[in-house]
Structures are given as C-alpha cells and as structure tokens.
Protein backbone atom coordinates (compact mmCIF):
# COMPACT_ATOMS: atom_id res chain seq x y z
CA UNK A 1 24.70 13.73 7.63
CA UNK A 2 27.73 14.35 5.51
CA UNK A 3 29.63 11.29 4.18
CA UNK A 4 33.34 11.09 4.87
CA UNK A 5 36.30 10.83 2.54
CA UNK A 6 38.53 7.81 3.07
CA UNK A 7 41.56 8.40 5.13
CA UNK A 8 45.01 6.85 4.71
CA UNK A 9 44.06 4.41 7.53
CA UNK A 10 41.03 3.11 5.64
CA UNK A 11 41.41 -0.62 5.37
CA UNK A 12 42.52 -1.97 1.98
CA UNK A 13 39.88 -4.67 2.10
CA UNK A 14 36.55 -4.09 3.87
CA UNK A 15 34.56 -6.97 5.29
CA UNK A 16 31.40 -5.65 3.75
CA UNK A 17 30.75 -2.70 1.38
CA UNK A 18 27.13 -1.71 1.04
CA UNK A 19 26.33 0.26 -2.12
CA UNK A 20 23.39 2.50 -1.28
CA UNK A 21 22.37 3.94 2.02
CA UNK A 22 18.59 3.48 1.76
CA UNK A 23 16.60 1.04 3.99
CA UNK A 24 17.98 -2.14 2.53
CA UNK A 25 21.61 -0.89 2.59
CA UNK A 26 21.29 0.44 6.17
CA UNK A 27 19.67 -2.85 7.27
CA UNK A 28 22.52 -4.85 5.75
CA UNK A 29 25.08 -2.73 7.55
CA UNK A 30 23.21 -2.98 10.84
CA UNK A 31 22.84 -6.70 10.67
CA UNK A 32 26.47 -7.18 9.78
CA UNK A 33 27.61 -5.10 12.73
CA UNK A 34 25.11 -6.71 15.02
CA UNK A 35 26.64 -10.04 14.32
CA UNK A 36 30.26 -8.84 14.28
CA UNK A 37 30.69 -5.42 15.97
CA UNK A 38 34.37 -5.20 15.01
CA UNK A 39 33.68 -5.77 11.32
CA UNK A 40 34.88 -3.24 8.78
CA UNK A 41 31.73 -2.01 7.01
CA UNK A 42 31.43 0.85 4.58
CA UNK A 43 28.28 2.35 3.07
CA UNK A 44 28.91 4.06 -0.33
CA UNK A 45 26.23 6.52 -1.48
CA UNK A 46 26.09 9.15 -4.13
CA UNK A 47 24.22 11.60 -1.84
CA UNK A 48 24.61 13.28 1.50
CA UNK A 49 21.92 12.50 4.10
CA UNK A 50 19.28 13.63 4.67
CA UNK A 51 18.08 13.44 1.10
CA UNK A 52 14.64 13.11 -0.41
CA UNK A 53 13.48 9.86 -1.96
CA UNK A 54 10.28 9.60 -3.98
CA UNK A 55 8.14 6.95 -2.18
CA UNK A 56 4.72 6.57 -0.54
CA UNK A 57 6.46 7.02 2.86
CA UNK A 58 4.26 4.24 4.39
CA UNK A 59 6.10 2.19 6.90
CA UNK A 60 4.18 -1.02 7.72
CA UNK A 61 4.49 -2.66 11.13
CA UNK A 62 6.28 -5.59 9.47
CA UNK A 63 9.22 -3.32 8.68
CA UNK A 64 9.37 -1.95 12.14
CA UNK A 65 9.55 -5.50 13.44
CA UNK A 66 12.62 -6.17 11.36
CA UNK A 67 14.22 -2.98 12.74
CA UNK A 68 13.39 -3.92 16.33
CA UNK A 69 15.21 -7.27 15.66
CA UNK A 70 18.11 -5.18 14.43
CA UNK A 71 18.18 -3.15 17.70
CA UNK A 72 16.65 0.00 16.18
CA UNK A 73 13.62 1.23 18.06
CA UNK A 74 13.31 4.94 17.55
CA UNK A 75 12.78 5.47 13.74
CA UNK A 76 9.08 6.36 14.24
CA UNK A 77 9.69 8.85 17.15
CA UNK A 78 7.63 11.94 16.59
CA UNK A 79 5.22 10.38 14.06
CA UNK A 80 1.67 9.39 14.81
CA UNK A 81 0.56 5.81 14.53
CA UNK A 82 -2.16 5.00 11.97
CA UNK A 83 -4.20 1.84 12.26
CA UNK A 84 -6.91 2.46 9.64
CA UNK A 85 -6.79 1.98 5.86
CA UNK A 86 -9.58 2.72 3.53
CA UNK A 87 -9.55 1.08 0.09
CA UNK A 88 -11.97 1.87 -2.81
CA UNK A 89 -12.32 0.01 -6.05
CA UNK A 90 -13.74 1.39 -9.28
CA UNK A 91 -16.42 -1.36 -8.99
CA UNK A 92 -17.94 0.54 -6.01
CA UNK A 93 -16.52 -1.63 -3.29
CA UNK A 94 -15.11 0.11 -0.18
CA UNK A 95 -13.24 -1.54 2.66
CA UNK A 96 -12.16 0.16 5.87
CA UNK A 97 -9.45 -2.08 7.30
CA UNK A 98 -8.23 -1.96 10.90
CA UNK A 99 -4.52 -2.86 11.25
CA UNK A 100 -3.65 -5.15 14.14
CA UNK A 101 -0.48 -3.07 14.58
CA UNK A 102 -0.18 0.55 13.52
CA UNK A 103 1.68 1.79 10.45
CA UNK A 104 3.46 5.15 10.14
CA UNK A 105 3.97 7.67 7.46
CA UNK A 106 7.54 8.95 7.74
CA UNK A 107 9.08 10.99 4.86
CA UNK A 108 12.05 9.07 3.46
CA UNK A 109 14.16 12.16 3.99
CA UNK A 110 13.77 11.43 7.71
CA UNK A 111 13.41 7.65 7.67
CA UNK A 112 16.50 6.97 5.67
CA UNK A 113 18.63 9.44 7.55
CA UNK A 114 17.70 7.85 10.85
CA UNK A 115 18.59 4.38 9.59
CA UNK A 116 21.90 5.37 8.06
CA UNK A 117 22.79 7.26 11.23
CA UNK A 118 21.96 4.20 13.31
CA UNK A 119 24.34 2.19 11.06
CA UNK A 120 27.10 4.74 11.42
CA UNK A 121 26.58 4.91 15.24
CA UNK A 122 27.13 1.16 15.26
CA UNK A 123 30.41 1.48 13.36
CA UNK A 124 29.76 1.72 9.65
CA UNK A 125 31.68 4.33 7.63
CA UNK A 126 29.49 6.44 5.30
CA UNK A 127 31.48 7.47 2.17
CA UNK A 128 30.05 9.64 -0.58
CA UNK A 129 30.84 7.85 -3.83
CA UNK A 130 28.91 6.92 -6.97
CA UNK A 131 29.92 3.32 -8.03
CA UNK A 132 30.46 2.93 -11.78
CA UNK A 133 32.47 -0.23 -12.15
CA UNK A 134 32.79 -3.62 -10.55
CA UNK A 135 35.42 -6.43 -10.81
CA UNK A 136 34.92 -9.76 -9.12
CA UNK A 137 38.08 -11.54 -8.06
CA UNK A 138 38.40 -15.03 -6.38
CA UNK A 139 38.81 -13.53 -2.83
CA UNK A 140 37.15 -10.12 -3.09
CA UNK A 141 35.11 -7.58 -5.05
CA UNK A 142 36.66 -4.35 -6.27
CA UNK A 143 34.55 -1.29 -6.98
CA UNK A 144 35.92 1.41 -9.30
CA UNK A 145 39.42 0.10 -8.86
CA UNK A 146 39.43 1.63 -5.33
CA UNK A 147 37.15 -0.06 -2.85
CA UNK A 148 37.67 -3.73 -2.11
CA UNK A 149 35.51 -6.02 0.10
CA UNK A 150 34.96 -9.62 0.90
CA UNK A 151 31.27 -9.11 0.20
CA UNK A 152 29.39 -6.33 -1.62
CA UNK A 153 25.70 -5.62 -1.01
CA UNK A 154 24.07 -4.04 -3.97
CA UNK A 155 21.41 -1.78 -2.38
CA UNK A 156 21.47 0.94 -5.07
CA UNK A 157 17.81 0.97 -5.89
CA UNK A 158 15.39 0.46 -8.69
CA UNK A 159 17.87 1.71 -11.32
CA UNK A 160 20.78 -0.29 -9.80
CA UNK A 161 24.10 0.19 -11.45
CA UNK A 162 25.53 -2.98 -9.94
CA UNK A 163 22.60 -5.09 -11.13
CA UNK A 164 23.27 -3.80 -14.66
CA UNK A 165 26.94 -4.34 -14.41
CA UNK A 166 26.32 -7.92 -13.29
CA UNK A 167 24.45 -8.50 -16.52
CA UNK A 168 20.88 -8.53 -15.34
CA UNK A 169 18.26 -6.88 -17.49
CA UNK A 170 15.93 -4.15 -16.16
CA UNK A 171 12.32 -5.23 -15.59
CA UNK A 172 10.07 -5.13 -18.65
CA UNK A 173 7.24 -2.65 -18.75
CA UNK A 174 4.70 -5.20 -17.63
CA UNK A 175 6.67 -5.77 -14.37
CA UNK A 176 7.69 -2.15 -13.81
CA UNK A 177 5.37 0.43 -12.27
CA UNK A 178 5.90 4.19 -12.46
CA UNK A 179 4.48 6.40 -9.77
CA UNK A 180 4.44 10.10 -9.04
CA UNK A 181 4.62 11.37 -5.43
CA UNK A 182 3.95 14.75 -3.93
CA UNK A 183 3.15 16.34 -0.58
CA UNK A 184 -0.16 18.16 0.08
CA UNK A 185 -2.63 19.17 2.77
CA UNK A 186 -3.96 16.08 4.46
CA UNK A 187 -7.57 15.05 3.63
CA UNK A 188 -10.05 15.41 6.50
CA UNK A 189 -11.32 12.09 7.90
CA UNK A 190 -14.40 10.58 6.26
CA UNK A 191 -16.36 11.02 9.50
CA UNK A 192 -16.03 14.04 11.83
CA UNK A 193 -13.81 13.18 14.70
CA UNK A 194 -12.56 9.93 13.19
CA UNK A 195 -8.92 8.99 13.55
CA UNK A 196 -6.56 9.46 10.55
CA UNK A 197 -6.51 6.83 7.88
CA UNK A 198 -4.57 5.90 4.79
CA UNK A 199 -6.58 6.08 1.64
CA UNK A 200 -6.09 3.99 -1.51
CA UNK A 201 -8.30 4.90 -4.47
CA UNK A 202 -8.11 2.31 -7.22
CA UNK A 203 -9.06 3.29 -10.84
CA UNK A 204 -10.21 1.50 -13.96
CA UNK A 205 -8.14 3.51 -16.35
CA UNK A 206 -4.95 1.49 -16.86
CA UNK A 207 -5.95 -1.06 -14.23
CA UNK A 208 -4.18 -2.08 -11.97
CA UNK A 209 -3.58 1.49 -10.89
CA UNK A 210 -4.34 3.53 -7.84
CA UNK A 211 -3.94 6.87 -6.09
CA UNK A 212 -3.05 7.26 -2.44
CA UNK A 213 -3.19 9.82 0.35
CA UNK A 214 -1.26 8.94 3.48
CA UNK A 215 -1.40 11.48 6.30
CA UNK A 216 1.92 12.25 8.00
CA UNK A 217 0.36 13.67 11.16
CA UNK A 218 1.51 17.24 10.89
CA UNK A 219 -1.22 18.45 8.60
CA UNK A 220 0.43 17.18 5.51
CA UNK A 221 -0.03 13.99 3.44
CA UNK A 222 2.05 12.01 1.03
CA UNK A 223 -0.04 11.71 -2.10
CA UNK A 224 0.64 9.91 -5.32
CA UNK A 225 -0.53 7.82 -8.25
CA UNK A 226 1.00 4.86 -10.00
CA UNK A 227 0.41 2.28 -12.74
CA UNK A 228 2.40 -0.21 -14.70
CA UNK A 229 4.69 1.25 -17.36
CA UNK A 230 3.04 -0.99 -19.95
CA UNK A 231 -0.32 0.79 -19.26
CA UNK A 232 1.02 4.32 -19.69
CA UNK A 233 0.43 6.39 -22.81
CA UNK A 234 3.27 8.21 -24.56
CA UNK A 235 2.87 11.18 -22.26
CA UNK A 236 3.76 9.51 -18.96
CA UNK A 237 4.47 12.61 -16.84
CA UNK A 238 1.33 14.52 -17.94
CA UNK A 239 -0.75 11.41 -17.49
CA UNK A 240 0.52 10.65 -14.02
CA UNK A 241 0.27 14.30 -12.82
CA UNK A 242 -3.12 14.85 -14.52
CA UNK A 243 -4.70 11.65 -13.12
CA UNK A 244 -3.48 12.39 -9.64
CA UNK A 245 -5.13 15.85 -9.71
CA UNK A 246 -8.35 14.33 -11.02
CA UNK A 247 -8.46 11.59 -8.38
CA UNK A 248 -7.58 13.89 -5.42
CA UNK A 249 -8.97 17.26 -6.52
CA UNK A 250 -9.27 18.50 -2.93
CA UNK A 251 -5.60 17.90 -2.05
CA UNK A 252 -3.35 19.31 -4.81
CA UNK A 253 0.36 18.76 -4.44
CA UNK A 254 2.60 21.58 -3.19
CA UNK A 255 4.71 23.20 -5.80
CA UNK A 256 7.98 21.43 -6.43
CA UNK A 257 7.12 18.25 -4.60
CA UNK A 258 5.99 16.01 -7.46
CA UNK A 259 8.66 13.42 -8.30
CA UNK A 260 8.40 10.21 -10.24
CA UNK A 261 9.96 6.89 -9.35
CA UNK A 262 10.22 3.31 -10.60
CA UNK A 263 8.89 0.32 -8.84
CA UNK A 264 10.41 -2.94 -10.18
CA UNK A 265 7.85 -5.67 -9.23
CA UNK A 266 8.81 -8.99 -7.82
CA UNK A 267 7.14 -10.73 -10.74
CA UNK A 268 10.40 -10.24 -12.57
CA UNK A 269 13.24 -10.87 -10.20
CA UNK A 270 16.90 -11.53 -11.13
CA UNK A 271 18.09 -14.78 -9.69
CA UNK A 272 20.59 -14.04 -6.91
CA UNK A 273 23.88 -15.51 -8.19
CA UNK A 274 26.47 -17.41 -6.25
CA UNK A 275 29.47 -15.32 -5.20
CA UNK A 276 30.22 -12.16 -3.32
CA UNK A 277 27.65 -9.70 -4.64
CA UNK A 278 24.24 -9.75 -2.98
CA UNK A 279 21.27 -7.97 -4.52
CA UNK A 280 18.72 -6.48 -2.04
CA UNK A 281 15.56 -4.34 -2.02
CA UNK A 282 14.67 -2.62 -5.21
CA UNK A 283 17.85 -3.73 -6.93
CA UNK A 284 16.52 -7.24 -6.51
CA UNK A 285 13.06 -6.25 -7.80
CA UNK A 286 11.62 -6.85 -4.37
CA UNK A 287 8.43 -4.78 -4.65
CA UNK A 288 5.02 -6.34 -3.88
CA UNK A 289 3.15 -6.54 -7.16
CA UNK A 290 -0.24 -6.24 -5.42
CA UNK A 291 0.41 -3.12 -3.48
CA UNK A 292 3.71 -1.53 -4.52
CA UNK A 293 5.04 -1.90 -0.95
CA UNK A 294 8.84 -2.29 -0.76
CA UNK A 295 10.11 -1.08 2.55
CA UNK A 296 9.48 -4.35 4.41
CA UNK A 297 11.17 -6.39 1.65
CA UNK A 298 14.06 -3.91 1.59
CA UNK A 299 14.64 -4.17 5.31
CA UNK A 300 14.27 -7.96 5.50
CA UNK A 301 16.47 -8.68 2.44
CA UNK A 302 19.09 -6.26 3.72
CA UNK A 303 19.17 -7.96 7.11
CA UNK A 304 19.42 -11.41 5.42
CA UNK A 305 22.34 -10.12 3.22
CA UNK A 306 24.15 -8.72 6.24
CA UNK A 307 23.88 -12.07 7.91
CA UNK A 308 24.90 -14.09 4.78
CA UNK A 309 28.06 -11.87 4.53
CA UNK A 310 29.62 -13.75 7.49
CA UNK A 311 28.03 -17.15 6.95
CA UNK A 312 30.34 -20.08 6.17
CA UNK A 313 30.29 -21.04 2.49
CA UNK A 314 29.34 -19.04 -0.58
CA UNK A 315 27.58 -15.84 0.50
CA UNK A 316 25.44 -15.59 -2.59
CA UNK A 317 24.15 -19.16 -2.20
CA UNK A 318 23.51 -18.66 1.54
CA UNK A 319 21.60 -15.41 0.91
CA UNK A 320 19.61 -16.96 -1.93
CA UNK A 321 18.57 -19.85 0.30
CA UNK A 322 17.65 -17.42 3.11
CA UNK A 323 15.40 -15.33 0.77
CA UNK A 324 13.72 -18.54 -0.46
CA UNK A 325 13.06 -19.64 3.09
CA UNK A 326 11.69 -16.25 4.26
CA UNK A 327 9.82 -15.09 1.19
CA UNK A 328 9.69 -17.85 -1.37
CA UNK A 329 6.13 -19.06 -0.98
CA UNK A 330 4.83 -15.58 -0.44
CA UNK A 331 6.53 -14.24 -3.63
CA UNK A 332 5.21 -17.16 -5.71
CA UNK A 333 1.68 -16.49 -4.40
CA UNK A 334 1.74 -12.70 -5.04
CA UNK A 335 2.95 -13.32 -8.58
CA UNK A 336 -0.05 -15.50 -9.24
CA UNK A 337 -2.42 -13.19 -7.48
CA UNK A 338 -1.04 -10.18 -9.43
CA UNK A 339 -2.07 -11.98 -12.64
CA UNK A 340 -5.48 -12.81 -11.25
CA UNK A 341 -6.32 -9.28 -10.18
CA UNK A 342 -5.65 -7.98 -13.70
CA UNK A 343 -9.28 -9.01 -13.88
CA UNK A 344 -10.56 -6.14 -11.75
CA UNK A 345 -13.83 -7.94 -10.55
CA UNK A 346 -11.67 -10.34 -8.62
CA UNK A 347 -10.29 -7.43 -6.59
CA UNK A 348 -13.82 -6.23 -6.03
CA UNK A 349 -14.80 -9.68 -4.81
CA UNK A 350 -11.82 -9.98 -2.45
CA UNK A 351 -12.62 -6.65 -0.81
CA UNK A 352 -16.31 -7.38 -0.56
CA UNK A 353 -15.58 -10.75 0.96
CA UNK A 354 -13.34 -9.17 3.57
CA UNK A 355 -15.84 -6.48 4.63
CA UNK A 356 -16.75 -7.01 8.26
CA UNK A 357 -14.50 -10.10 8.56
CA UNK A 358 -11.41 -9.10 10.62
CA UNK A 359 -9.70 -12.43 10.05
CA UNK A 360 -9.88 -12.13 6.27
CA UNK A 361 -8.82 -8.45 6.40
CA UNK A 362 -5.81 -9.46 8.50
CA UNK A 363 -4.92 -12.09 5.85
CA UNK A 364 -5.12 -9.53 3.02
CA UNK A 365 -2.94 -7.08 4.93
CA UNK A 366 -0.33 -9.79 5.60
CA UNK A 367 -0.19 -10.60 1.84
CA UNK A 368 -0.07 -6.97 0.76
CA UNK A 369 2.25 -5.54 3.38
CA UNK A 370 4.19 -8.41 4.89
CA UNK A 371 5.07 -12.00 3.88
CA UNK A 372 1.63 -13.63 4.32
CA UNK A 373 0.17 -16.37 2.14
CA UNK A 374 -3.46 -16.85 1.15
CA UNK A 375 -5.23 -19.72 2.89
CA UNK A 376 -7.62 -22.15 1.09
CA UNK A 377 -10.54 -21.00 3.32
CA UNK A 378 -9.89 -17.33 2.28
CA UNK A 379 -9.73 -18.24 -1.44
CA UNK A 380 -13.06 -20.13 -1.04
CA UNK A 381 -14.66 -16.94 0.48
CA UNK A 382 -13.40 -14.79 -2.35
CA UNK A 383 -14.60 -17.32 -4.91
CA UNK A 384 -18.11 -17.30 -3.42
CA UNK A 385 -18.10 -13.47 -3.42
CA UNK A 386 -17.00 -13.39 -7.00
CA UNK A 387 -19.71 -15.91 -8.05
CA UNK A 388 -22.44 -13.84 -6.26
CA UNK A 389 -21.22 -10.61 -7.79
CA UNK A 390 -21.01 -12.12 -11.27
CA UNK A 391 -24.63 -13.49 -10.98
CA UNK A 392 -25.79 -10.00 -9.82
CA UNK A 393 -24.19 -8.32 -12.77
CA UNK A 394 -25.84 -10.78 -15.21
CA UNK A 395 -29.27 -10.19 -13.87
CA UNK A 396 -28.96 -6.38 -13.81
C-alpha cells in the first residue's frame, strides 16, 4: 500500500496525527475513527506498506480481542490457529501449555499491512513522511513545521524519535533486550501427528534469555533469540546469530532473513506527560519483561490513545489514567516478577508447579501474554515447588 502525498485540500489542522503505522498506530487511528467517523486522522510513516518488521510474529488471542472490539475481524485470515506452547528451561523443566484461545503466527509484513489498510478503509489518510521535529503549542502540535494536529500519537517504535524529542531517555541496557529474528523451515512436532506448537527454549547463558520457533503454518517458522543488552558481550551480532544456530541447529535461518530489533521493557517506562502527545506501544516501553510480548500492549495502548484523543479534558492526563486503569497492577507485578526470575530456579519452580494444572497454566499465560496478575494461591504453589526443588538439590 503506497502512502499518499498531501493535496492542497489537506486540512490545515488534523484532529489526530498518528506517527507510525504499526499495530499501536493503526489501533489508535481505528479507535479514533470508530468513535468519530468524520474525524480527520492522518498516519505518518517513513515506509510504504507492506514492509518487513523484525518481530516474533506471535499474535496472542488477547490482541485479537482488542481488534475485534475495534471492528477488525479478518487479520488472521489464511493463518492456522495454534493452541499449544512448549517451554523448556535450562534446569530441565518442560511445560506443554494448552491455550484456552488460539494464537497465530502472522508475519508483520502481512499483519501490519492489514491493520493499516483497515484504518485507511475507515477514513485515515496514510502519508509517507519521516518526522524529525516537534513543536507543542497551546492549541495544537506541529510536526516538521508542516503537519498540525489537536493530538499526536507517538507510535514510532522502540527507537522513537518523538519520545527522544520530548526529552525522555532511551531504556538503559538492563531494561532493553536485543533479539535477532529469521525465517526457517518449521520444526516437526515433538510427537508424530501432533498439532503445531510454539517452542520457547530458555538458556542459562546470559539468563534471562531464550530462543523461539513459531510455526507460521505454511512450512516456515519465525525463529529467533534474544537477551538483555546488559548481558551481551561486545560482539552482539555474532553472539545472537551464533547462539541461535546452536540452540536450533536443525532449523537454520534462510539467507537474508536475520534481522535484529530492540525490545524496550516495561520495567523502564517514561511517564506519560500531560498535553497533546500520547506515547503508545514500543515508544512507551510497553514490552512484557517476562516474555518480550508487545503486540497486545501495542494494540491496547493505541486504542486507549485513540479514545483519549476525543475525551474532554487534557488528552495526556486522560490517556495516562486509562493506561493505569487497564494495565497498572499488571505492569507493577510483571516488573517485580522480572526481578525475581533473574534467579533462574524460580522460573523452574513456576513451570514445574504449573505442569498438569490447567488453572495455573492459564494464569501464567495471562501474565505473560495479556494483562493478568498473579493470585496468592498461585504464588503459594510456586513457593512450595521452589522449596521442594531446593531441598532436592541440596540432597543430591
């Protein structure tokens, strides 16, 4: 989909300008136009669509729920549902989790193009433009001296220009993961005739770190490996590529598909300021620090920003309150849990406790892929599992 060039009839002041046409930006545009179909909404993006985006490509059911609420129902068309996830820890614990609702693996080249097309079909104007400057005035925001809007949604990703221009620092190495993604032949299922499953292979070296293989359904899989930037050696690219090849030796990446990307973890989030600029998705460091999942956060935060753009009062304050209401407790808990699982035996204990217990598995999935919180009963079960495993190690 080719972006347009503004015509002389383009409004001088847009109602909403979204900077970035990824999931969070498209969700913001979709929600704004869902609430006010006649609104003047522009999406500025530096690329034409479809375009590749390095990512694990996993779309959890929680994100599809947000899209259904936005009136978008067809983004997964043509892709096979996957309801099994296998997790292995370096401590020898393996968990096969059954998802209550299926996930999908949809290359971002397809997923993002479908979303931005849905926004354009609803009335948004897609303009190819790279934003380099911002000026905030009492009644509007001006980008590059050319594009003016009542509200601007900063959906320009992990290396957000708008975030930097607003004076927010980038995430420090301890709250920033770097991952490499490629495409390869899909792994055969563990058991003959078994349905496809997503694989997450955790590793001790640089813990927390893991490799993944997510089958797309067409014979290919999205594969990758990531770890915190603070745990990388001075040879990041070679380390990421080499470790991925070691962990998945039977499914080497196709030539030219390996691409690295940043994952700014939610353990270091900029505080959403008052005013007319709303930070969403990766630009707001909305990445789950336990799993690296960010699509659900992106879609949800984008939808909340699109709604806040037309709410009475200060848009930034309204959006900040909405984020706190929807994700506040969850984000606080995942920050604490991310610190705890730096001690790897706690992760072993959590997966061991969940084995064979569907309710506990569901709880872990909600925390890792959605907005769930850990219940005291679940914590108690993990604590018991940890104590048993610790006693076993001491007697061995």
